[in-house]
Amino acid sequence: MEETIIFSEYALRRMSQRGITKEQVCYCITHHSSEEEYCPANGEIVFPTVLPDGRNIKVRVRDGNKKTIYVIDAFSFNKERGE
């Protein structure tokens, strides 16, 4: 099943500021680690992953109907410092 990924305006703005591309976000969604974080209170999921270039990023999404993934934010993190 092919999923549709929709980027919020906020996510696109923050990705641009942080040097994160749509391709990197898509990679994160499809190759994330098993350490994903789920927040049932607001229905959001955070996918952490290490990109092929070694950069750690997290992508925060809302998964509405299992066919559409709505990207809310994307950011780098420091795995060693637990950020």
N, C-alpha and C. Protein backbone atom coordinates (compact mmCIF):
# COMPACT_ATOMS: atom_id res chain seq x y z
N MET A 1 0.84 -1.18 0.00
CA MET A 1 0.00 0.00 0.00
C MET A 1 0.89 1.25 0.00
N GLU A 2 0.65 2.13 -0.90
CA GLU A 2 1.40 3.38 -1.01
C GLU A 2 0.74 4.45 -0.14
N GLU A 3 1.57 5.11 0.68
CA GLU A 3 1.06 6.15 1.55
C GLU A 3 1.32 7.52 0.93
N THR A 4 0.43 8.45 1.20
CA THR A 4 0.60 9.82 0.76
C THR A 4 1.16 10.61 1.93
N ILE A 5 2.19 11.39 1.66
CA ILE A 5 2.81 12.21 2.69
C ILE A 5 2.48 13.67 2.41
N ILE A 6 1.86 14.32 3.37
CA ILE A 6 1.49 15.73 3.25
C ILE A 6 2.31 16.52 4.27
N PHE A 7 2.90 17.62 3.85
CA PHE A 7 3.72 18.45 4.71
C PHE A 7 2.95 19.70 5.11
N SER A 8 2.89 19.97 6.42
CA SER A 8 2.26 21.20 6.88
C SER A 8 3.16 22.38 6.50
N GLU A 9 2.58 23.57 6.42
CA GLU A 9 3.36 24.77 6.13
C GLU A 9 4.43 24.97 7.20
N TYR A 10 4.06 24.71 8.46
CA TYR A 10 5.02 24.84 9.55
C TYR A 10 6.20 23.89 9.35
N ALA A 11 5.90 22.63 9.01
CA ALA A 11 6.97 21.65 8.80
C ALA A 11 7.90 22.09 7.67
N LEU A 12 7.33 22.55 6.57
CA LEU A 12 8.16 22.99 5.44
C LEU A 12 9.05 24.16 5.81
N ARG A 13 8.52 25.11 6.57
CA ARG A 13 9.29 26.27 7.00
C ARG A 13 10.44 25.84 7.93
N ARG A 14 10.13 24.98 8.90
CA ARG A 14 11.15 24.54 9.85
C ARG A 14 12.19 23.64 9.16
N MET A 15 11.76 22.81 8.23
CA MET A 15 12.69 21.96 7.49
C MET A 15 13.68 22.84 6.72
N SER A 16 13.17 23.90 6.10
CA SER A 16 14.03 24.81 5.35
C SER A 16 15.05 25.47 6.27
N GLN A 17 14.61 25.90 7.44
CA GLN A 17 15.50 26.54 8.41
C GLN A 17 16.56 25.56 8.92
N ARG A 18 16.20 24.30 9.02
CA ARG A 18 17.08 23.29 9.61
C ARG A 18 17.87 22.49 8.59
N GLY A 19 17.68 22.78 7.30
CA GLY A 19 18.42 22.08 6.26
C GLY A 19 17.99 20.63 6.10
N ILE A 20 16.70 20.36 6.28
CA ILE A 20 16.16 19.00 6.13
C ILE A 20 15.29 18.98 4.88
N THR A 21 15.51 18.00 4.01
CA THR A 21 14.76 17.92 2.76
C THR A 21 13.56 16.98 2.88
N LYS A 22 12.66 17.11 1.91
CA LYS A 22 11.51 16.19 1.85
C LYS A 22 11.99 14.75 1.69
N GLU A 23 13.03 14.56 0.90
CA GLU A 23 13.56 13.22 0.69
C GLU A 23 14.07 12.62 2.00
N GLN A 24 14.72 13.43 2.83
CA GLN A 24 15.21 12.95 4.11
C GLN A 24 14.05 12.59 5.04
N VAL A 25 13.00 13.38 5.01
CA VAL A 25 11.81 13.08 5.83
C VAL A 25 11.18 11.77 5.37
N CYS A 26 11.05 11.59 4.06
CA CYS A 26 10.48 10.34 3.53
C CYS A 26 11.35 9.15 3.92
N TYR A 27 12.67 9.33 3.87
CA TYR A 27 13.59 8.27 4.29
C TYR A 27 13.35 7.93 5.76
N CYS A 28 13.21 8.95 6.58
CA CYS A 28 12.97 8.75 8.01
C CYS A 28 11.68 7.97 8.25
N ILE A 29 10.64 8.31 7.53
CA ILE A 29 9.35 7.63 7.72
C ILE A 29 9.43 6.17 7.32
N THR A 30 10.19 5.87 6.28
CA THR A 30 10.25 4.48 5.81
C THR A 30 11.37 3.66 6.45
N HIS A 31 12.36 4.33 7.06
CA HIS A 31 13.51 3.62 7.65
C HIS A 31 13.73 3.94 9.12
N HIS A 32 12.71 4.37 9.81
CA HIS A 32 12.88 4.79 11.20
C HIS A 32 13.26 3.61 12.09
N SER A 33 13.85 3.95 13.24
CA SER A 33 14.23 2.91 14.19
C SER A 33 13.00 2.42 14.93
N SER A 34 13.15 1.35 15.64
CA SER A 34 12.02 0.79 16.39
C SER A 34 11.73 1.58 17.66
N GLU A 35 12.48 2.65 17.88
CA GLU A 35 12.30 3.48 19.07
C GLU A 35 11.27 4.57 18.86
N GLU A 36 10.34 4.39 17.92
CA GLU A 36 9.36 5.44 17.67
C GLU A 36 8.60 5.78 18.95
N GLU A 37 8.19 7.02 19.03
CA GLU A 37 7.49 7.51 20.20
C GLU A 37 6.05 7.81 19.80
N TYR A 38 5.11 7.32 20.58
CA TYR A 38 3.71 7.54 20.28
C TYR A 38 3.06 8.30 21.43
N CYS A 39 2.32 9.34 21.11
CA CYS A 39 1.62 10.12 22.13
C CYS A 39 0.12 9.97 21.90
N PRO A 40 -0.54 9.08 22.62
CA PRO A 40 -1.95 8.84 22.39
C PRO A 40 -2.84 10.05 22.71
N ALA A 41 -2.36 10.96 23.54
CA ALA A 41 -3.17 12.13 23.90
C ALA A 41 -3.48 13.00 22.68
N ASN A 42 -2.53 13.13 21.77
CA ASN A 42 -2.78 13.95 20.58
C ASN A 42 -2.65 13.16 19.28
N GLY A 43 -2.42 11.86 19.37
CA GLY A 43 -2.37 11.01 18.18
C GLY A 43 -1.15 11.23 17.30
N GLU A 44 -0.07 11.76 17.87
CA GLU A 44 1.13 12.02 17.08
C GLU A 44 2.16 10.92 17.30
N ILE A 45 2.97 10.70 16.28
CA ILE A 45 4.05 9.73 16.33
C ILE A 45 5.34 10.46 15.96
N VAL A 46 6.42 10.17 16.68
CA VAL A 46 7.72 10.74 16.36
C VAL A 46 8.63 9.59 15.92
N PHE A 47 9.14 9.70 14.70
CA PHE A 47 10.03 8.70 14.13
C PHE A 47 11.47 9.19 14.20
N PRO A 48 12.34 8.54 14.97
CA PRO A 48 13.76 8.88 14.95
C PRO A 48 14.49 7.99 13.94
N THR A 49 15.49 8.54 13.29
CA THR A 49 16.30 7.72 12.39
C THR A 49 17.68 8.35 12.20
N VAL A 50 18.59 7.55 11.70
CA VAL A 50 19.91 8.04 11.31
C VAL A 50 19.93 8.02 9.79
N LEU A 51 20.18 9.17 9.19
CA LEU A 51 20.24 9.27 7.74
C LEU A 51 21.53 8.63 7.23
N PRO A 52 21.59 8.28 5.94
CA PRO A 52 22.80 7.67 5.39
C PRO A 52 24.07 8.51 5.61
N ASP A 53 23.91 9.85 5.75
CA ASP A 53 25.08 10.70 5.98
C ASP A 53 25.47 10.78 7.46
N GLY A 54 24.74 10.04 8.32
CA GLY A 54 25.06 9.99 9.74
C GLY A 54 24.29 10.98 10.60
N ARG A 55 23.54 11.86 9.99
CA ARG A 55 22.76 12.85 10.73
C ARG A 55 21.55 12.18 11.38
N ASN A 56 21.29 12.52 12.64
CA ASN A 56 20.11 12.02 13.35
C ASN A 56 18.97 13.01 13.19
N ILE A 57 17.82 12.54 12.72
CA ILE A 57 16.65 13.41 12.66
C ILE A 57 15.45 12.69 13.24
N LYS A 58 14.48 13.50 13.65
CA LYS A 58 13.18 13.00 14.09
C LYS A 58 12.12 13.69 13.26
N VAL A 59 11.09 12.95 12.92
CA VAL A 59 9.97 13.49 12.17
C VAL A 59 8.71 13.25 12.99
N ARG A 60 7.97 14.33 13.24
CA ARG A 60 6.73 14.24 14.01
C ARG A 60 5.57 14.24 13.03
N VAL A 61 4.71 13.22 13.12
CA VAL A 61 3.61 13.07 12.16
C VAL A 61 2.29 12.81 12.89
N ARG A 62 1.23 13.04 12.15
CA ARG A 62 -0.10 12.63 12.56
C ARG A 62 -0.58 11.67 11.48
N ASP A 63 -0.94 10.49 11.88
CA ASP A 63 -1.33 9.42 10.95
C ASP A 63 -2.84 9.28 11.02
N GLY A 64 -3.53 9.99 10.13
CA GLY A 64 -4.98 10.03 10.19
C GLY A 64 -5.69 8.77 9.80
N ASN A 65 -5.48 8.30 8.59
CA ASN A 65 -6.28 7.17 8.11
C ASN A 65 -5.45 6.03 7.55
N LYS A 66 -4.19 5.96 7.92
CA LYS A 66 -3.25 4.90 7.50
C LYS A 66 -2.87 4.98 6.02
N LYS A 67 -3.50 5.84 5.25
CA LYS A 67 -3.11 6.03 3.85
C LYS A 67 -2.45 7.39 3.66
N THR A 68 -2.66 8.28 4.62
CA THR A 68 -2.09 9.62 4.56
C THR A 68 -1.29 9.89 5.82
N ILE A 69 -0.07 10.34 5.65
CA ILE A 69 0.77 10.74 6.77
C ILE A 69 0.94 12.25 6.68
N TYR A 70 0.61 12.94 7.76
CA TYR A 70 0.67 14.39 7.82
C TYR A 70 1.90 14.78 8.64
N VAL A 71 2.91 15.36 7.98
CA VAL A 71 4.15 15.75 8.66
C VAL A 71 3.94 17.09 9.35
N ILE A 72 4.18 17.09 10.66
CA ILE A 72 3.99 18.29 11.47
C ILE A 72 5.30 19.03 11.69
N ASP A 73 6.41 18.27 11.85
CA ASP A 73 7.70 18.89 12.14
C ASP A 73 8.82 17.89 11.84
N ALA A 74 10.02 18.41 11.64
CA ALA A 74 11.22 17.59 11.45
C ALA A 74 12.39 18.35 12.04
N PHE A 75 13.24 17.64 12.77
CA PHE A 75 14.35 18.31 13.44
C PHE A 75 15.49 17.34 13.69
N SER A 76 16.69 17.91 13.83
CA SER A 76 17.88 17.13 14.16
C SER A 76 17.90 16.88 15.66
N PHE A 77 18.59 15.83 16.07
CA PHE A 77 18.75 15.59 17.49
C PHE A 77 20.12 14.94 17.73
N ASN A 78 20.58 15.05 18.96
CA ASN A 78 21.86 14.48 19.35
C ASN A 78 21.59 13.23 20.15
N LYS A 79 21.82 12.08 19.55
CA LYS A 79 21.52 10.80 20.17
C LYS A 79 22.33 10.57 21.45
N GLU A 80 23.58 11.00 21.45
CA GLU A 80 24.43 10.78 22.62
C GLU A 80 23.95 11.57 23.83
N ARG A 81 23.38 12.75 23.59
CA ARG A 81 22.93 13.58 24.69
C ARG A 81 21.48 13.34 25.05
N GLY A 82 20.80 12.43 24.32
CA GLY A 82 19.41 12.11 24.61
C GLY A 82 18.43 13.20 24.26
N GLU A 83 18.78 14.04 23.31
CA GLU A 83 17.90 15.14 22.89
C GLU A 83 16.87 14.66 21.90
